[in-house]
Amino acid sequence: MSIEAILLSLRLAGTVSVILLIISLPLAYWLAFTSWRGKFLIESVVALPLVLPPTVLGFYALVALGPHGGLGRIWLALFGHALAFTFTGLVLASLLYSLPFAVQPLVASFESLDRRLLDASAVLGASRGRAFFRIILPLAWPGVITAVVLSFAHTLGEFGVVLMVGGNLAGITRTISIDIYDRVQALDYAGAHQTALLLLLISFVVLSVVYGVNRRIWSPWPKR
């Protein structure tokens, strides 16, 4: 079992889940409360990674982040190197790949809120920002937990996008899933089994947390 690959994967998953939460909160709020008829187009773009093969998404991400891609050329001019085959490139590609796993739970939580509470807060003079942080966000807390946990777990186990964008550079882009692949290729089934078992246990814990939150087994509010 490669501790270096595990730590790199945890770092990647943690970074992506935090950034996705920051991005997804305003996006999910807008999708849940907007009356724009064309919002289904944005919803389709957000959900695209759910049906798109990881190799396809990874290929286009590699093209965009490479030295001849738009984003890659800008990064090259600013920092002297392209984004492909770097940890930063992995983060950007993983943000796209895991975006629906953060946005969709938040949208579902926001849409399930009682709109009368928001109307009452508006009548009492509360601004939209105050209503969001004092009413919407606390009531949607299970959705927030689900979004963070799912985006973390999905990023932790991704393979196709990581391999296409990051390759297999030890200490830089070799994640835990790539390490399993390398061990299988080297016929080291014992080592692959240990690492795969770790991912299996993590997945089980993640699903337990998600289902526990959704069933209100755990709640930040005291029971009456």
C-alpha atoms as a PDB file:
ATOM      1  CA  MET A   1       0.000   0.000   0.000  1.00  0.00           C
ATOM      2  CA  SER A   2       1.450   3.348  -1.103  1.00  0.00           C
ATOM      3  CA  ILE A   3       1.086   5.936   1.650  1.00  0.00           C
ATOM      4  CA  GLU A   4       2.251   8.614  -0.795  1.00  0.00           C
ATOM      5  CA  ALA A   5      -0.582   7.819  -3.219  1.00  0.00           C
ATOM      6  CA  ILE A   6      -3.132   7.727  -0.397  1.00  0.00           C
ATOM      7  CA  LEU A   7      -2.030  11.100   0.968  1.00  0.00           C
ATOM      8  CA  LEU A   8      -2.070  12.610  -2.520  1.00  0.00           C
ATOM      9  CA  SER A   9      -5.597  11.293  -3.122  1.00  0.00           C
ATOM     10  CA  LEU A  10      -6.811  12.654   0.218  1.00  0.00           C
ATOM     11  CA  ARG A  11      -5.252  16.019  -0.567  1.00  0.00           C
ATOM     12  CA  LEU A  12      -6.878  16.073  -4.000  1.00  0.00           C
ATOM     13  CA  ALA A  13     -10.291  15.010  -2.702  1.00  0.00           C
ATOM     14  CA  GLY A  14     -10.186  17.479   0.179  1.00  0.00           C
ATOM     15  CA  THR A  15      -9.162  20.378  -2.056  1.00  0.00           C
ATOM     16  CA  VAL A  16     -11.822  19.584  -4.654  1.00  0.00           C
ATOM     17  CA  SER A  17     -14.631  19.128  -2.110  1.00  0.00           C
ATOM     18  CA  VAL A  18     -13.895  22.492  -0.443  1.00  0.00           C
ATOM     19  CA  ILE A  19     -13.707  24.386  -3.749  1.00  0.00           C
ATOM     20  CA  LEU A  20     -16.826  22.637  -5.043  1.00  0.00           C
ATOM     21  CA  LEU A  21     -18.776  23.629  -1.949  1.00  0.00           C
ATOM     22  CA  ILE A  22     -17.848  27.276  -2.506  1.00  0.00           C
ATOM     23  CA  ILE A  23     -18.831  27.072  -6.185  1.00  0.00           C
ATOM     24  CA  SER A  24     -21.918  24.904  -5.750  1.00  0.00           C
ATOM     25  CA  LEU A  25     -23.708  26.881  -3.033  1.00  0.00           C
ATOM     26  CA  PRO A  26     -24.481  29.958  -5.171  1.00  0.00           C
ATOM     27  CA  LEU A  27     -25.016  27.847  -8.297  1.00  0.00           C
ATOM     28  CA  ALA A  28     -27.445  25.487  -6.555  1.00  0.00           C
ATOM     29  CA  TYR A  29     -29.240  28.431  -4.939  1.00  0.00           C
ATOM     30  CA  TRP A  30     -29.755  30.021  -8.339  1.00  0.00           C
ATOM     31  CA  LEU A  31     -30.941  26.756  -9.933  1.00  0.00           C
ATOM     32  CA  ALA A  32     -33.380  26.140  -7.078  1.00  0.00           C
ATOM     33  CA  PHE A  33     -34.946  29.583  -6.937  1.00  0.00           C
ATOM     34  CA  THR A  34     -34.652  31.067 -10.411  1.00  0.00           C
ATOM     35  CA  SER A  35     -37.736  31.304 -12.619  1.00  0.00           C
ATOM     36  CA  TRP A  36     -35.728  31.399 -15.855  1.00  0.00           C
ATOM     37  CA  ARG A  37     -37.211  28.903 -18.293  1.00  0.00           C
ATOM     38  CA  GLY A  38     -33.877  28.082 -19.852  1.00  0.00           C
ATOM     39  CA  LYS A  39     -32.292  26.873 -16.623  1.00  0.00           C
ATOM     40  CA  PHE A  40     -32.592  23.302 -17.895  1.00  0.00           C
ATOM     41  CA  LEU A  41     -29.652  24.081 -20.174  1.00  0.00           C
ATOM     42  CA  ILE A  42     -27.452  24.885 -17.165  1.00  0.00           C
ATOM     43  CA  GLU A  43     -28.769  21.807 -15.359  1.00  0.00           C
ATOM     44  CA  SER A  44     -27.833  19.689 -18.384  1.00  0.00           C
ATOM     45  CA  VAL A  45     -24.290  21.088 -18.440  1.00  0.00           C
ATOM     46  CA  VAL A  46     -23.876  20.464 -14.705  1.00  0.00           C
ATOM     47  CA  ALA A  47     -25.171  16.879 -14.993  1.00  0.00           C
ATOM     48  CA  LEU A  48     -23.149  16.060 -18.123  1.00  0.00           C
ATOM     49  CA  PRO A  49     -20.284  14.309 -16.234  1.00  0.00           C
ATOM     50  CA  LEU A  50     -22.831  11.788 -14.915  1.00  0.00           C
ATOM     51  CA  VAL A  51     -23.362  10.328 -18.396  1.00  0.00           C
ATOM     52  CA  LEU A  52     -20.151  11.325 -20.165  1.00  0.00           C
ATOM     53  CA  PRO A  53     -17.404   8.662 -20.184  1.00  0.00           C
ATOM     54  CA  PRO A  54     -14.478   9.760 -17.977  1.00  0.00           C
ATOM     55  CA  THR A  55     -12.047   9.266 -20.851  1.00  0.00           C
ATOM     56  CA  VAL A  56     -14.000  11.716 -23.018  1.00  0.00           C
ATOM     57  CA  LEU A  57     -14.102  14.325 -20.272  1.00  0.00           C
ATOM     58  CA  GLY A  58     -10.444  13.649 -19.491  1.00  0.00           C
ATOM     59  CA  PHE A  59      -9.462  14.014 -23.149  1.00  0.00           C
ATOM     60  CA  TYR A  60     -11.085  17.415 -23.571  1.00  0.00           C
ATOM     61  CA  ALA A  61      -9.717  18.533 -20.207  1.00  0.00           C
ATOM     62  CA  LEU A  62      -6.247  17.454 -21.357  1.00  0.00           C
ATOM     63  CA  VAL A  63      -6.644  19.436 -24.568  1.00  0.00           C
ATOM     64  CA  ALA A  64      -7.803  22.546 -22.684  1.00  0.00           C
ATOM     65  CA  LEU A  65      -5.098  22.300 -20.019  1.00  0.00           C
ATOM     66  CA  GLY A  66      -2.257  21.372 -22.361  1.00  0.00           C
ATOM     67  CA  PRO A  67       0.280  23.848 -23.762  1.00  0.00           C
ATOM     68  CA  HIS A  68      -1.795  24.352 -26.926  1.00  0.00           C
ATOM     69  CA  GLY A  69      -5.142  24.688 -25.135  1.00  0.00           C
ATOM     70  CA  GLY A  70      -6.709  28.000 -24.184  1.00  0.00           C
ATOM     71  CA  LEU A  71      -6.345  27.684 -20.422  1.00  0.00           C
ATOM     72  CA  GLY A  72      -3.032  25.878 -20.727  1.00  0.00           C
ATOM     73  CA  ARG A  73      -1.502  28.653 -22.844  1.00  0.00           C
ATOM     74  CA  ILE A  74      -2.593  31.317 -20.368  1.00  0.00           C
ATOM     75  CA  TRP A  75      -1.141  29.317 -17.481  1.00  0.00           C
ATOM     76  CA  LEU A  76       2.055  28.729 -19.461  1.00  0.00           C
ATOM     77  CA  ALA A  77       2.470  32.448 -20.087  1.00  0.00           C
ATOM     78  CA  LEU A  78       1.919  33.284 -16.423  1.00  0.00           C
ATOM     79  CA  PHE A  79       3.812  30.487 -14.667  1.00  0.00           C
ATOM     80  CA  GLY A  80       6.097  28.970 -17.294  1.00  0.00           C
ATOM     81  CA  HIS A  81       4.436  25.538 -17.486  1.00  0.00           C
ATOM     82  CA  ALA A  82       1.155  24.079 -18.673  1.00  0.00           C
ATOM     83  CA  LEU A  83      -1.498  22.626 -16.388  1.00  0.00           C
ATOM     84  CA  ALA A  84      -1.495  19.101 -17.807  1.00  0.00           C
ATOM     85  CA  PHE A  85       0.317  16.500 -15.682  1.00  0.00           C
ATOM     86  CA  THR A  86       0.309  18.718 -12.596  1.00  0.00           C
ATOM     87  CA  PHE A  87      -1.617  18.577  -9.334  1.00  0.00           C
ATOM     88  CA  THR A  88      -3.341  21.858 -10.175  1.00  0.00           C
ATOM     89  CA  GLY A  89      -4.500  20.353 -13.451  1.00  0.00           C
ATOM     90  CA  LEU A  90      -5.912  17.377 -11.568  1.00  0.00           C
ATOM     91  CA  VAL A  91      -7.844  19.728  -9.296  1.00  0.00           C
ATOM     92  CA  LEU A  92      -9.381  21.625 -12.227  1.00  0.00           C
ATOM     93  CA  ALA A  93     -10.352  18.444 -14.074  1.00  0.00           C
ATOM     94  CA  SER A  94     -11.755  16.901 -10.894  1.00  0.00           C
ATOM     95  CA  LEU A  95     -13.886  19.993 -10.275  1.00  0.00           C
ATOM     96  CA  LEU A  96     -15.647  19.395 -13.586  1.00  0.00           C
ATOM     97  CA  TYR A  97     -15.939  15.654 -13.031  1.00  0.00           C
ATOM     98  CA  SER A  98     -17.394  15.879  -9.520  1.00  0.00           C
ATOM     99  CA  LEU A  99     -19.508  19.025  -9.993  1.00  0.00           C
ATOM    100  CA  PRO A 100     -22.911  17.265 -10.230  1.00  0.00           C
ATOM    101  CA  PHE A 101     -22.241  15.326  -7.028  1.00  0.00           C
ATOM    102  CA  ALA A 102     -22.021  18.634  -5.169  1.00  0.00           C
ATOM    103  CA  VAL A 103     -24.685  20.654  -6.973  1.00  0.00           C
ATOM    104  CA  GLN A 104     -27.557  18.180  -7.188  1.00  0.00           C
ATOM    105  CA  PRO A 105     -27.866  17.383  -3.434  1.00  0.00           C
ATOM    106  CA  LEU A 106     -27.842  21.103  -2.681  1.00  0.00           C
ATOM    107  CA  VAL A 107     -30.504  21.852  -5.288  1.00  0.00           C
ATOM    108  CA  ALA A 108     -32.707  19.087  -3.884  1.00  0.00           C
ATOM    109  CA  SER A 109     -32.319  20.477  -0.355  1.00  0.00           C
ATOM    110  CA  PHE A 110     -33.032  24.047  -1.404  1.00  0.00           C
ATOM    111  CA  GLU A 111     -36.096  23.041  -3.412  1.00  0.00           C
ATOM    112  CA  SER A 112     -37.532  21.098  -0.472  1.00  0.00           C
ATOM    113  CA  LEU A 113     -37.575  24.159   1.800  1.00  0.00           C
ATOM    114  CA  ASP A 114     -40.866  25.761   2.745  1.00  0.00           C
ATOM    115  CA  ARG A 115     -41.020  28.955   0.676  1.00  0.00           C
ATOM    116  CA  ARG A 116     -43.330  30.520   3.267  1.00  0.00           C
ATOM    117  CA  LEU A 117     -40.364  30.825   5.614  1.00  0.00           C
ATOM    118  CA  LEU A 118     -38.536  32.893   3.019  1.00  0.00           C
ATOM    119  CA  ASP A 119     -41.615  35.023   2.382  1.00  0.00           C
ATOM    120  CA  ALA A 120     -41.940  35.641   6.119  1.00  0.00           C
ATOM    121  CA  SER A 121     -38.291  36.649   6.391  1.00  0.00           C
ATOM    122  CA  ALA A 122     -38.722  39.069   3.493  1.00  0.00           C
ATOM    123  CA  VAL A 123     -41.778  40.625   5.160  1.00  0.00           C
ATOM    124  CA  LEU A 124     -39.737  41.068   8.338  1.00  0.00           C
ATOM    125  CA  GLY A 125     -37.100  42.948   6.373  1.00  0.00           C
ATOM    126  CA  ALA A 126     -34.385  40.299   6.096  1.00  0.00           C
ATOM    127  CA  SER A 127     -32.103  40.653   3.069  1.00  0.00           C
ATOM    128  CA  ARG A 128     -31.502  37.744   0.717  1.00  0.00           C
ATOM    129  CA  GLY A 129     -28.032  37.231   2.134  1.00  0.00           C
ATOM    130  CA  ARG A 130     -29.271  37.189   5.702  1.00  0.00           C
ATOM    131  CA  ALA A 131     -32.111  34.819   4.795  1.00  0.00           C
ATOM    132  CA  PHE A 132     -29.639  32.511   3.060  1.00  0.00           C
ATOM    133  CA  PHE A 133     -27.241  32.234   5.996  1.00  0.00           C
ATOM    134  CA  ARG A 134     -29.841  32.314   8.779  1.00  0.00           C
ATOM    135  CA  ILE A 135     -32.673  30.243   7.253  1.00  0.00           C
ATOM    136  CA  ILE A 136     -31.812  28.435   4.006  1.00  0.00           C
ATOM    137  CA  LEU A 137     -28.352  27.138   4.852  1.00  0.00           C
ATOM    138  CA  PRO A 138     -29.197  25.771   8.338  1.00  0.00           C
ATOM    139  CA  LEU A 139     -32.329  24.016   7.045  1.00  0.00           C
ATOM    140  CA  ALA A 140     -30.419  22.597   4.064  1.00  0.00           C
ATOM    141  CA  TRP A 141     -27.568  21.321   6.241  1.00  0.00           C
ATOM    142  CA  PRO A 142     -28.149  17.625   5.353  1.00  0.00           C
ATOM    143  CA  GLY A 143     -27.782  18.536   1.680  1.00  0.00           C
ATOM    144  CA  VAL A 144     -24.544  20.370   2.409  1.00  0.00           C
ATOM    145  CA  ILE A 145     -23.122  17.335   4.227  1.00  0.00           C
ATOM    146  CA  THR A 146     -24.215  15.051   1.397  1.00  0.00           C
ATOM    147  CA  ALA A 147     -22.641  17.308  -1.230  1.00  0.00           C
ATOM    148  CA  VAL A 148     -19.301  17.467   0.590  1.00  0.00           C
ATOM    149  CA  VAL A 149     -19.152  13.746   1.303  1.00  0.00           C
ATOM    150  CA  LEU A 150     -20.166  12.649  -2.198  1.00  0.00           C
ATOM    151  CA  SER A 151     -17.789  15.035  -3.968  1.00  0.00           C
ATOM    152  CA  PHE A 152     -14.953  13.938  -1.656  1.00  0.00           C
ATOM    153  CA  ALA A 153     -15.592  10.226  -2.221  1.00  0.00           C
ATOM    154  CA  HIS A 154     -16.132  10.589  -5.958  1.00  0.00           C
ATOM    155  CA  THR A 155     -12.868  12.480  -6.378  1.00  0.00           C
ATOM    156  CA  LEU A 156     -11.003  10.050  -4.149  1.00  0.00           C
ATOM    157  CA  GLY A 157     -11.792   7.080  -6.379  1.00  0.00           C
ATOM    158  CA  GLU A 158     -11.717   8.634  -9.851  1.00  0.00           C
ATOM    159  CA  PHE A 159      -9.485   6.961 -12.403  1.00  0.00           C
ATOM    160  CA  GLY A 160     -10.132   7.865 -16.041  1.00  0.00           C
ATOM    161  CA  VAL A 161      -9.939  11.638 -15.722  1.00  0.00           C
ATOM    162  CA  VAL A 162      -6.891  11.430 -13.444  1.00  0.00           C
ATOM    163  CA  LEU A 163      -5.055   9.135 -15.844  1.00  0.00           C
ATOM    164  CA  MET A 164      -5.825  11.291 -18.895  1.00  0.00           C
ATOM    165  CA  VAL A 165      -5.003  14.662 -17.336  1.00  0.00           C
ATOM    166  CA  GLY A 166      -2.331  13.739 -14.787  1.00  0.00           C
ATOM    167  CA  GLY A 167      -0.700  10.636 -16.114  1.00  0.00           C
ATOM    168  CA  ASN A 168       1.249   8.583 -13.591  1.00  0.00           C
ATOM    169  CA  LEU A 169       3.839  10.763 -11.874  1.00  0.00           C
ATOM    170  CA  ALA A 170       4.844   9.567  -8.412  1.00  0.00           C
ATOM    171  CA  GLY A 171       4.179  12.153  -5.732  1.00  0.00           C
ATOM    172  CA  ILE A 172       2.504  14.512  -8.219  1.00  0.00           C
ATOM    173  CA  THR A 173      -0.390  12.796  -9.984  1.00  0.00           C
ATOM    174  CA  ARG A 174      -0.260   9.118  -8.967  1.00  0.00           C
ATOM    175  CA  THR A 175      -3.436   8.764  -6.944  1.00  0.00           C
ATOM    176  CA  ILE A 176      -4.693   5.734  -5.096  1.00  0.00           C
ATOM    177  CA  SER A 177      -6.706   4.474  -8.067  1.00  0.00           C
ATOM    178  CA  ILE A 178      -3.662   4.745 -10.345  1.00  0.00           C
ATOM    179  CA  ASP A 179      -1.622   2.898  -7.725  1.00  0.00           C
ATOM    180  CA  ILE A 180      -4.118   0.017  -7.781  1.00  0.00           C
ATOM    181  CA  TYR A 181      -3.898  -0.106 -11.571  1.00  0.00           C
ATOM    182  CA  ASP A 182      -0.082  -0.176 -11.447  1.00  0.00           C
ATOM    183  CA  ARG A 183      -0.073  -3.016  -8.929  1.00  0.00           C
ATOM    184  CA  VAL A 184      -2.446  -5.097 -11.019  1.00  0.00           C
ATOM    185  CA  GLN A 185      -0.296  -4.495 -14.082  1.00  0.00           C
ATOM    186  CA  ALA A 186       2.718  -5.658 -12.068  1.00  0.00           C
ATOM    187  CA  LEU A 187       0.770  -8.748 -10.873  1.00  0.00           C
ATOM    188  CA  ASP A 188       1.025  -7.505  -7.282  1.00  0.00           C
ATOM    189  CA  TYR A 189      -2.473  -8.656  -6.386  1.00  0.00           C
ATOM    190  CA  ALA A 190      -1.818  -8.635  -2.650  1.00  0.00           C
ATOM    191  CA  GLY A 191      -0.865  -4.959  -2.687  1.00  0.00           C
ATOM    192  CA  ALA A 192      -3.766  -4.125  -5.005  1.00  0.00           C
ATOM    193  CA  HIS A 193      -6.129  -5.974  -2.682  1.00  0.00           C
ATOM    194  CA  GLN A 194      -5.014  -3.969   0.359  1.00  0.00           C
ATOM    195  CA  THR A 195      -5.489  -0.641  -1.409  1.00  0.00           C
ATOM    196  CA  ALA A 196      -8.787  -1.671  -3.011  1.00  0.00           C
ATOM    197  CA  LEU A 197     -10.074  -2.847   0.374  1.00  0.00           C
ATOM    198  CA  LEU A 198      -9.269   0.565   1.823  1.00  0.00           C
ATOM    199  CA  LEU A 199     -11.292   2.259  -0.916  1.00  0.00           C
ATOM    200  CA  LEU A 200     -14.118  -0.203  -0.318  1.00  0.00           C
ATOM    201  CA  LEU A 201     -14.233   0.659   3.373  1.00  0.00           C
ATOM    202  CA  ILE A 202     -14.162   4.376   2.613  1.00  0.00           C
ATOM    203  CA  SER A 203     -17.033   3.968   0.148  1.00  0.00           C
ATOM    204  CA  PHE A 204     -19.069   2.093   2.746  1.00  0.00           C
ATOM    205  CA  VAL A 205     -18.497   4.812   5.330  1.00  0.00           C
ATOM    206  CA  VAL A 206     -19.430   7.488   2.803  1.00  0.00           C
ATOM    207  CA  LEU A 207     -22.698   5.780   1.892  1.00  0.00           C
ATOM    208  CA  SER A 208     -23.515   5.263   5.568  1.00  0.00           C
ATOM    209  CA  VAL A 209     -23.011   8.967   6.241  1.00  0.00           C
ATOM    210  CA  VAL A 210     -25.122  10.003   3.250  1.00  0.00           C
ATOM    211  CA  TYR A 211     -28.012   7.674   4.055  1.00  0.00           C
ATOM    212  CA  GLY A 212     -27.791   8.555   7.730  1.00  0.00           C
ATOM    213  CA  VAL A 213     -28.065  12.256   6.999  1.00  0.00           C
ATOM    214  CA  ASN A 214     -30.905  11.807   4.526  1.00  0.00           C
ATOM    215  CA  ARG A 215     -32.871   9.721   7.026  1.00  0.00           C
ATOM    216  CA  ARG A 216     -32.320  12.378   9.686  1.00  0.00           C
ATOM    217  CA  ILE A 217     -30.468   9.909  11.913  1.00  0.00           C
ATOM    218  CA  TRP A 218     -28.030  12.719  12.564  1.00  0.00           C
ATOM    219  CA  SER A 219     -29.151  16.328  12.746  1.00  0.00           C
ATOM    220  CA  PRO A 220     -27.512  19.557  13.934  1.00  0.00           C
ATOM    221  CA  TRP A 221     -30.771  20.489  15.630  1.00  0.00           C
ATOM    222  CA  PRO A 222     -31.757  19.145  19.066  1.00  0.00           C
ATOM    223  CA  LYS A 223     -34.755  16.860  19.121  1.00  0.00           C
ATOM    224  CA  ARG A 224     -37.882  18.136  20.761  1.00  0.00           C
END
